[in-house]
């Protein structure tokens, strides 16, 4: 069985694309982690103790979803209209 240049280039390009794809995924993962500060940095910036931080997290957990669910359709339309003005 004779391997042609075309087959070798296909394997080479496939390997290169796989490596570049993995590097891109790794880059996105690192960028996402760096974009979100850790709890210790936020606590220090806000001047909270660990106990206060835990209470703040417990009290605010899931509030964004509850706020959206409690809005009426008219309120949603009004808010969406405000964003376009």
PDB file of N, CA and C in Angstrom:
ATOM      1  N   UNK A   1       0.840  -1.176   0.000  1.00  0.00           N
ATOM      2  CA  UNK A   1       0.000   0.000   0.000  1.00  0.00           C
ATOM      3  C   UNK A   1       0.890   1.246   0.000  1.00  0.00           C
ATOM      4  N   UNK A   2       0.664   2.107  -0.943  1.00  0.00           N
ATOM      5  CA  UNK A   2       1.487   3.299  -1.088  1.00  0.00           C
ATOM      6  C   UNK A   2       0.717   4.503  -0.555  1.00  0.00           C
ATOM      7  N   UNK A   3       1.364   5.223   0.339  1.00  0.00           N
ATOM      8  CA  UNK A   3       0.747   6.445   0.867  1.00  0.00           C
ATOM      9  C   UNK A   3       1.125   7.604  -0.040  1.00  0.00           C
ATOM     10  N   UNK A   4       0.142   8.358  -0.367  1.00  0.00           N
ATOM     11  CA  UNK A   4       0.401   9.493  -1.251  1.00  0.00           C
ATOM     12  C   UNK A   4       0.652  10.748  -0.431  1.00  0.00           C
ATOM     13  N   UNK A   5       1.121  11.775  -1.103  1.00  0.00           N
ATOM     14  CA  UNK A   5       1.351  13.065  -0.455  1.00  0.00           C
ATOM     15  C   UNK A   5       0.021  13.627   0.031  1.00  0.00           C
ATOM     16  N   UNK A   6      -1.023  13.406  -0.743  1.00  0.00           N
ATOM     17  CA  UNK A   6      -2.339  13.916  -0.380  1.00  0.00           C
ATOM     18  C   UNK A   6      -2.789  13.344   0.961  1.00  0.00           C
ATOM     19  N   UNK A   7      -2.600  12.050   1.182  1.00  0.00           N
ATOM     20  CA  UNK A   7      -2.996  11.423   2.439  1.00  0.00           C
ATOM     21  C   UNK A   7      -2.175  11.985   3.595  1.00  0.00           C
ATOM     22  N   UNK A   8      -0.884  12.171   3.380  1.00  0.00           N
ATOM     23  CA  UNK A   8      -0.024  12.700   4.440  1.00  0.00           C
ATOM     24  C   UNK A   8      -0.444  14.112   4.818  1.00  0.00           C
ATOM     25  N   UNK A   9      -0.783  14.934   3.834  1.00  0.00           N
ATOM     26  CA  UNK A   9      -1.230  16.294   4.126  1.00  0.00           C
ATOM     27  C   UNK A   9      -2.549  16.282   4.887  1.00  0.00           C
ATOM     28  N   UNK A  10      -3.445  15.373   4.537  1.00  0.00           N
ATOM     29  CA  UNK A  10      -4.724  15.277   5.231  1.00  0.00           C
ATOM     30  C   UNK A  10      -4.513  14.934   6.694  1.00  0.00           C
ATOM     31  N   UNK A  11      -3.657  13.980   6.973  1.00  0.00           N
ATOM     32  CA  UNK A  11      -3.362  13.602   8.355  1.00  0.00           C
ATOM     33  C   UNK A  11      -2.696  14.762   9.082  1.00  0.00           C
ATOM     34  N   UNK A  12      -1.773  15.442   8.408  1.00  0.00           N
ATOM     35  CA  UNK A  12      -1.069  16.560   9.036  1.00  0.00           C
ATOM     36  C   UNK A  12      -2.033  17.691   9.370  1.00  0.00           C
ATOM     37  N   UNK A  13      -2.903  18.049   8.416  1.00  0.00           N
ATOM     38  CA  UNK A  13      -3.868  19.121   8.653  1.00  0.00           C
ATOM     39  C   UNK A  13      -4.882  18.725   9.730  1.00  0.00           C
ATOM     40  N   UNK A  14      -5.319  17.483   9.722  1.00  0.00           N
ATOM     41  CA  UNK A  14      -6.261  17.028  10.743  1.00  0.00           C
ATOM     42  C   UNK A  14      -5.648  17.125  12.129  1.00  0.00           C
ATOM     43  N   UNK A  15      -4.404  16.710  12.241  1.00  0.00           N
ATOM     44  CA  UNK A  15      -3.716  16.797  13.529  1.00  0.00           C
ATOM     45  C   UNK A  15      -3.544  18.249  13.954  1.00  0.00           C
ATOM     46  N   UNK A  16      -3.167  19.092  13.016  1.00  0.00           N
ATOM     47  CA  UNK A  16      -2.999  20.515  13.323  1.00  0.00           C
ATOM     48  C   UNK A  16      -4.315  21.141  13.776  1.00  0.00           C
ATOM     49  N   UNK A  17      -5.402  20.848  13.073  1.00  0.00           N
ATOM     50  CA  UNK A  17      -6.703  21.391  13.461  1.00  0.00           C
ATOM     51  C   UNK A  17      -7.141  20.881  14.826  1.00  0.00           C
ATOM     52  N   UNK A  18      -6.865  19.638  15.129  1.00  0.00           N
ATOM     53  CA  UNK A  18      -7.201  19.086  16.437  1.00  0.00           C
ATOM     54  C   UNK A  18      -6.428  19.801  17.541  1.00  0.00           C
ATOM     55  N   UNK A  19      -5.148  20.013  17.323  1.00  0.00           N
ATOM     56  CA  UNK A  19      -4.319  20.702  18.322  1.00  0.00           C
ATOM     57  C   UNK A  19      -4.782  22.146  18.495  1.00  0.00           C
ATOM     58  N   UNK A  20      -5.049  22.837  17.387  1.00  0.00           N
ATOM     59  CA  UNK A  20      -5.524  24.219  17.479  1.00  0.00           C
ATOM     60  C   UNK A  20      -6.892  24.299  18.155  1.00  0.00           C
ATOM     61  N   UNK A  21      -7.754  23.350  17.875  1.00  0.00           N
ATOM     62  CA  UNK A  21      -9.069  23.320  18.522  1.00  0.00           C
ATOM     63  C   UNK A  21      -8.956  23.118  20.018  1.00  0.00           C
ATOM     64  N   UNK A  22      -8.097  22.197  20.438  1.00  0.00           N
ATOM     65  CA  UNK A  22      -7.891  21.969  21.872  1.00  0.00           C
ATOM     66  C   UNK A  22      -7.273  23.188  22.545  1.00  0.00           C
ATOM     67  N   UNK A  23      -6.339  23.842  21.864  1.00  0.00           N
ATOM     68  CA  UNK A  23      -5.733  25.055  22.431  1.00  0.00           C
ATOM     69  C   UNK A  23      -6.773  26.163  22.566  1.00  0.00           C
ATOM     70  N   UNK A  24      -7.663  26.286  21.589  1.00  0.00           N
ATOM     71  CA  UNK A  24      -8.710  27.299  21.659  1.00  0.00           C
ATOM     72  C   UNK A  24      -9.673  27.028  22.810  1.00  0.00           C
ATOM     73  N   UNK A  25     -10.061  25.785  22.996  1.00  0.00           N
ATOM     74  CA  UNK A  25     -10.944  25.421  24.110  1.00  0.00           C
ATOM     75  C   UNK A  25     -10.264  25.701  25.439  1.00  0.00           C
ATOM     76  N   UNK A  26      -8.993  25.366  25.543  1.00  0.00           N
ATOM     77  CA  UNK A  26      -8.242  25.643  26.767  1.00  0.00           C
ATOM     78  C   UNK A  26      -8.163  27.148  27.018  1.00  0.00           C
ATOM     79  N   UNK A  27      -7.927  27.930  25.966  1.00  0.00           N
ATOM     80  CA  UNK A  27      -7.879  29.385  26.092  1.00  0.00           C
ATOM     81  C   UNK A  27      -9.212  29.938  26.588  1.00  0.00           C
ATOM     82  N   UNK A  28     -10.319  29.452  26.035  1.00  0.00           N
ATOM     83  CA  UNK A  28     -11.632  29.921  26.480  1.00  0.00           C
ATOM     84  C   UNK A  28     -11.885  29.573  27.939  1.00  0.00           C
ATOM     85  N   UNK A  29     -11.466  28.392  28.356  1.00  0.00           N
ATOM     86  CA  UNK A  29     -11.643  27.978  29.744  1.00  0.00           C
ATOM     87  C   UNK A  29     -10.863  28.887  30.680  1.00  0.00           C
ATOM     88  N   UNK A  30      -9.620  29.173  30.341  1.00  0.00           N
ATOM     89  CA  UNK A  30      -8.788  30.052  31.177  1.00  0.00           C
ATOM     90  C   UNK A  30      -9.363  31.464  31.193  1.00  0.00           C
ATOM     91  N   UNK A  31      -9.809  31.964  30.049  1.00  0.00           N
ATOM     92  CA  UNK A  31     -10.374  33.315  29.985  1.00  0.00           C
ATOM     93  C   UNK A  31     -11.639  33.424  30.829  1.00  0.00           C
ATOM     94  N   UNK A  32     -12.473  32.399  30.806  1.00  0.00           N
ATOM     95  CA  UNK A  32     -13.697  32.427  31.611  1.00  0.00           C
ATOM     96  C   UNK A  32     -13.376  32.403  33.095  1.00  0.00           C
ATOM     97  N   UNK A  33     -12.375  31.625  33.480  1.00  0.00           N
ATOM     98  CA  UNK A  33     -11.997  31.572  34.901  1.00  0.00           C
ATOM     99  C   UNK A  33     -11.385  32.888  35.360  1.00  0.00           C
ATOM    100  N   UNK A  34     -10.602  33.538  34.522  1.00  0.00           N
ATOM    101  CA  UNK A  34      -9.992  34.809  34.901  1.00  0.00           C
ATOM    102  C   UNK A  34     -11.009  35.942  34.925  1.00  0.00           C
ATOM    103  N   UNK A  35     -12.068  35.809  34.137  1.00  0.00           N
ATOM    104  CA  UNK A  35     -13.083  36.854  34.070  1.00  0.00           C
ATOM    105  C   UNK A  35     -13.913  36.921  35.348  1.00  0.00           C
ATOM    106  N   UNK A  36     -14.072  35.792  36.033  1.00  0.00           N
ATOM    107  CA  UNK A  36     -14.874  35.746  37.252  1.00  0.00           C
ATOM    108  C   UNK A  36     -13.948  35.692  38.462  1.00  0.00           C
ATOM    109  N   UNK A  37     -13.943  36.735  39.292  1.00  0.00           N
ATOM    110  CA  UNK A  37     -13.035  36.730  40.444  1.00  0.00           C
ATOM    111  C   UNK A  37     -13.448  35.680  41.472  1.00  0.00           C
ATOM    112  N   UNK A  38     -12.487  35.210  42.230  1.00  0.00           N
ATOM    113  CA  UNK A  38     -12.790  34.211  43.245  1.00  0.00           C
ATOM    114  C   UNK A  38     -13.444  34.868  44.461  1.00  0.00           C
ATOM    115  N   UNK A  39     -14.009  34.043  45.332  1.00  0.00           N
ATOM    116  CA  UNK A  39     -14.730  34.535  46.503  1.00  0.00           C
ATOM    117  C   UNK A  39     -13.838  35.351  47.429  1.00  0.00           C
ATOM    118  N   UNK A  40     -12.592  34.931  47.586  1.00  0.00           N
ATOM    119  CA  UNK A  40     -11.695  35.639  48.502  1.00  0.00           C
ATOM    120  C   UNK A  40     -11.449  37.070  48.039  1.00  0.00           C
ATOM    121  N   UNK A  41     -11.273  37.268  46.747  1.00  0.00           N
ATOM    122  CA  UNK A  41     -11.036  38.613  46.220  1.00  0.00           C
ATOM    123  C   UNK A  41     -12.264  39.497  46.405  1.00  0.00           C
ATOM    124  N   UNK A  42     -13.448  38.929  46.177  1.00  0.00           N
ATOM    125  CA  UNK A  42     -14.679  39.705  46.337  1.00  0.00           C
ATOM    126  C   UNK A  42     -14.891  40.062  47.799  1.00  0.00           C
ATOM    127  N   UNK A  43     -14.663  39.101  48.701  1.00  0.00           N
ATOM    128  CA  UNK A  43     -14.821  39.365  50.139  1.00  0.00           C
ATOM    129  C   UNK A  43     -13.883  40.474  50.583  1.00  0.00           C
ATOM    130  N   UNK A  44     -12.635  40.426  50.124  1.00  0.00           N
ATOM    131  CA  UNK A  44     -11.655  41.439  50.513  1.00  0.00           C
ATOM    132  C   UNK A  44     -12.059  42.809  49.987  1.00  0.00           C
ATOM    133  N   UNK A  45     -12.513  42.862  48.730  1.00  0.00           N
ATOM    134  CA  UNK A  45     -12.907  44.135  48.121  1.00  0.00           C
ATOM    135  C   UNK A  45     -14.120  44.741  48.822  1.00  0.00           C
ATOM    136  N   UNK A  46     -15.069  43.901  49.222  1.00  0.00           N
ATOM    137  CA  UNK A  46     -16.289  44.394  49.855  1.00  0.00           C
ATOM    138  C   UNK A  46     -16.142  44.556  51.363  1.00  0.00           C
ATOM    139  N   UNK A  47     -15.057  44.050  51.926  1.00  0.00           N
ATOM    140  CA  UNK A  47     -14.836  44.168  53.360  1.00  0.00           C
ATOM    141  C   UNK A  47     -15.751  43.280  54.183  1.00  0.00           C
ATOM    142  N   UNK A  48     -16.059  42.100  53.675  1.00  0.00           N
ATOM    143  CA  UNK A  48     -16.945  41.179  54.385  1.00  0.00           C
ATOM    144  C   UNK A  48     -16.143  40.092  55.078  1.00  0.00           C
ATOM    145  N   UNK A  49     -16.669  39.630  56.197  1.00  0.00           N
ATOM    146  CA  UNK A  49     -16.072  38.476  56.862  1.00  0.00           C
ATOM    147  C   UNK A  49     -16.591  37.217  56.164  1.00  0.00           C
ATOM    148  N   UNK A  50     -15.939  36.067  56.384  1.00  0.00           N
ATOM    149  CA  UNK A  50     -16.437  34.832  55.753  1.00  0.00           C
ATOM    150  C   UNK A  50     -17.882  34.510  56.128  1.00  0.00           C
ATOM    151  N   UNK A  51     -18.266  34.777  57.378  1.00  0.00           N
ATOM    152  CA  UNK A  51     -19.648  34.506  57.798  1.00  0.00           C
ATOM    153  C   UNK A  51     -20.624  35.421  57.061  1.00  0.00           C
ATOM    154  N   UNK A  52     -20.273  36.693  56.927  1.00  0.00           N
ATOM    155  CA  UNK A  52     -21.138  37.627  56.204  1.00  0.00           C
ATOM    156  C   UNK A  52     -21.250  37.233  54.730  1.00  0.00           C
ATOM    157  N   UNK A  53     -20.143  36.769  54.168  1.00  0.00           N
ATOM    158  CA  UNK A  53     -20.155  36.350  52.765  1.00  0.00           C
ATOM    159  C   UNK A  53     -21.082  35.161  52.563  1.00  0.00           C
ATOM    160  N   UNK A  54     -20.997  34.172  53.474  1.00  0.00           N
ATOM    161  CA  UNK A  54     -21.867  33.000  53.357  1.00  0.00           C
ATOM    162  C   UNK A  54     -23.333  33.404  53.444  1.00  0.00           C
ATOM    163  N   UNK A  55     -23.662  34.309  54.361  1.00  0.00           N
ATOM    164  CA  UNK A  55     -25.049  34.755  54.505  1.00  0.00           C
ATOM    165  C   UNK A  55     -25.512  35.499  53.251  1.00  0.00           C
ATOM    166  N   UNK A  56     -24.647  36.307  52.673  1.00  0.00           N
ATOM    167  CA  UNK A  56     -25.012  37.038  51.454  1.00  0.00           C
ATOM    168  C   UNK A  56     -25.274  36.077  50.306  1.00  0.00           C
ATOM    169  N   UNK A  57     -24.456  35.039  50.202  1.00  0.00           N
ATOM    170  CA  UNK A  57     -24.645  34.055  49.132  1.00  0.00           C
ATOM    171  C   UNK A  57     -25.935  33.284  49.353  1.00  0.00           C
ATOM    172  N   UNK A  58     -26.204  32.889  50.595  1.00  0.00           N
ATOM    173  CA  UNK A  58     -27.421  32.131  50.894  1.00  0.00           C
ATOM    174  C   UNK A  58     -28.661  32.978  50.620  1.00  0.00           C
ATOM    175  N   UNK A  59     -28.630  34.241  51.014  1.00  0.00           N
ATOM    176  CA  UNK A  59     -29.803  35.102  50.862  1.00  0.00           C
ATOM    177  C   UNK A  59     -30.072  35.464  49.410  1.00  0.00           C
ATOM    178  N   UNK A  60     -29.060  35.555  48.587  1.00  0.00           N
ATOM    179  CA  UNK A  60     -29.260  35.978  47.198  1.00  0.00           C
ATOM    180  C   UNK A  60     -29.298  34.820  46.212  1.00  0.00           C
ATOM    181  N   UNK A  61     -29.149  33.600  46.672  1.00  0.00           N
ATOM    182  CA  UNK A  61     -29.110  32.461  45.758  1.00  0.00           C
ATOM    183  C   UNK A  61     -30.454  32.291  45.062  1.00  0.00           C
ATOM    184  N   UNK A  62     -30.449  32.358  43.756  1.00  0.00           N
ATOM    185  CA  UNK A  62     -31.657  32.143  42.969  1.00  0.00           C
ATOM    186  C   UNK A  62     -32.586  33.333  42.880  1.00  0.00           C
ATOM    187  N   UNK A  63     -32.204  34.481  43.391  1.00  0.00           N
ATOM    188  CA  UNK A  63     -33.121  35.624  43.357  1.00  0.00           C
ATOM    189  C   UNK A  63     -33.316  36.159  41.946  1.00  0.00           C
ATOM    190  N   UNK A  64     -32.333  36.017  41.087  1.00  0.00           N
ATOM    191  CA  UNK A  64     -32.488  36.512  39.716  1.00  0.00           C
ATOM    192  C   UNK A  64     -33.614  35.765  39.011  1.00  0.00           C
ATOM    193  N   UNK A  65     -33.675  34.454  39.194  1.00  0.00           N
ATOM    194  CA  UNK A  65     -34.739  33.675  38.568  1.00  0.00           C
ATOM    195  C   UNK A  65     -36.097  34.030  39.145  1.00  0.00           C
ATOM    196  N   UNK A  66     -36.174  34.231  40.466  1.00  0.00           N
ATOM    197  CA  UNK A  66     -37.447  34.571  41.093  1.00  0.00           C
ATOM    198  C   UNK A  66     -37.941  35.930  40.602  1.00  0.00           C
ATOM    199  N   UNK A  67     -37.020  36.873  40.419  1.00  0.00           N
ATOM    200  CA  UNK A  67     -37.420  38.203  39.969  1.00  0.00           C
ATOM    201  C   UNK A  67     -38.003  38.145  38.562  1.00  0.00           C
ATOM    202  N   UNK A  68     -37.446  37.331  37.710  1.00  0.00           N
ATOM    203  CA  UNK A  68     -37.953  37.227  36.341  1.00  0.00           C
ATOM    204  C   UNK A  68     -39.316  36.547  36.334  1.00  0.00           C
ATOM    205  N   UNK A  69     -39.481  35.497  37.152  1.00  0.00           N
ATOM    206  CA  UNK A  69     -40.741  34.768  37.172  1.00  0.00           C
ATOM    207  C   UNK A  69     -41.880  35.613  37.718  1.00  0.00           C
ATOM    208  N   UNK A  70     -41.580  36.557  38.609  1.00  0.00           N
ATOM    209  CA  UNK A  70     -42.644  37.338  39.229  1.00  0.00           C
ATOM    210  C   UNK A  70     -43.107  38.503  38.356  1.00  0.00           C
ATOM    211  N   UNK A  71     -42.451  38.732  37.233  1.00  0.00           N
ATOM    212  CA  UNK A  71     -42.847  39.830  36.353  1.00  0.00           C
ATOM    213  C   UNK A  71     -44.024  39.408  35.483  1.00  0.00           C
ATOM    214  N   UNK A  72     -44.931  40.342  35.265  1.00  0.00           N
ATOM    215  CA  UNK A  72     -46.057  40.083  34.373  1.00  0.00           C
ATOM    216  C   UNK A  72     -45.598  40.291  32.928  1.00  0.00           C
ATOM    217  N   UNK A  73     -46.340  39.744  31.975  1.00  0.00           N
ATOM    218  CA  UNK A  73     -45.958  39.961  30.570  1.00  0.00           C
ATOM    219  C   UNK A  73     -45.896  41.439  30.197  1.00  0.00           C
ATOM    220  N   UNK A  74     -46.796  42.249  30.760  1.00  0.00           N
ATOM    221  CA  UNK A  74     -46.776  43.685  30.456  1.00  0.00           C
ATOM    222  C   UNK A  74     -45.486  44.323  30.959  1.00  0.00           C
ATOM    223  N   UNK A  75     -45.019  43.893  32.129  1.00  0.00           N
ATOM    224  CA  UNK A  75     -43.773  44.432  32.669  1.00  0.00           C
ATOM    225  C   UNK A  75     -42.585  44.023  31.803  1.00  0.00           C
ATOM    226  N   UNK A  76     -42.599  42.790  31.319  1.00  0.00           N
ATOM    227  CA  UNK A  76     -41.516  42.333  30.453  1.00  0.00           C
ATOM    228  C   UNK A  76     -41.468  43.142  29.156  1.00  0.00           C
ATOM    229  N   UNK A  77     -42.640  43.402  28.574  1.00  0.00           N
ATOM    230  CA  UNK A  77     -42.690  44.180  27.334  1.00  0.00           C
ATOM    231  C   UNK A  77     -42.212  45.600  27.594  1.00  0.00           C
ATOM    232  N   UNK A  78     -42.626  46.176  28.733  1.00  0.00           N
ATOM    233  CA  UNK A  78     -42.209  47.538  29.063  1.00  0.00           C
ATOM    234  C   UNK A  78     -40.697  47.615  29.259  1.00  0.00           C
ATOM    235  N   UNK A  79     -40.136  46.622  29.956  1.00  0.00           N
ATOM    236  CA  UNK A  79     -38.689  46.613  30.185  1.00  0.00           C
ATOM    237  C   UNK A  79     -37.933  46.439  28.872  1.00  0.00           C
ATOM    238  N   UNK A  80     -38.429  45.570  28.008  1.00  0.00           N
ATOM    239  CA  UNK A  80     -37.773  45.361  26.717  1.00  0.00           C
ATOM    240  C   UNK A  80     -37.842  46.632  25.878  1.00  0.00           C
ATOM    241  N   UNK A  81     -38.958  47.353  25.959  1.00  0.00           N
ATOM    242  CA  UNK A  81     -39.084  48.606  25.218  1.00  0.00           C
ATOM    243  C   UNK A  81     -38.124  49.663  25.721  1.00  0.00           C
ATOM    244  N   UNK A  82     -37.882  49.681  27.032  1.00  0.00           N
ATOM    245  CA  UNK A  82     -36.943  50.647  27.605  1.00  0.00           C
ATOM    246  C   UNK A  82     -35.523  50.412  27.102  1.00  0.00           C
ATOM    247  N   UNK A  83     -35.173  49.162  26.850  1.00  0.00           N
ATOM    248  CA  UNK A  83     -33.824  48.844  26.387  1.00  0.00           C
ATOM    249  C   UNK A  83     -33.581  49.346  24.965  1.00  0.00           C
ATOM    250  N   UNK A  84     -34.632  49.435  24.169  1.00  0.00           N
ATOM    251  CA  UNK A  84     -34.476  49.862  22.783  1.00  0.00           C
ATOM    252  C   UNK A  84     -34.493  51.371  22.624  1.00  0.00           C
ATOM    253  N   UNK A  85     -34.893  52.096  23.652  1.00  0.00           N
ATOM    254  CA  UNK A  85     -34.976  53.560  23.549  1.00  0.00           C
ATOM    255  C   UNK A  85     -33.679  54.217  23.893  1.00  0.00           C
TER     256      UNK A  85
END
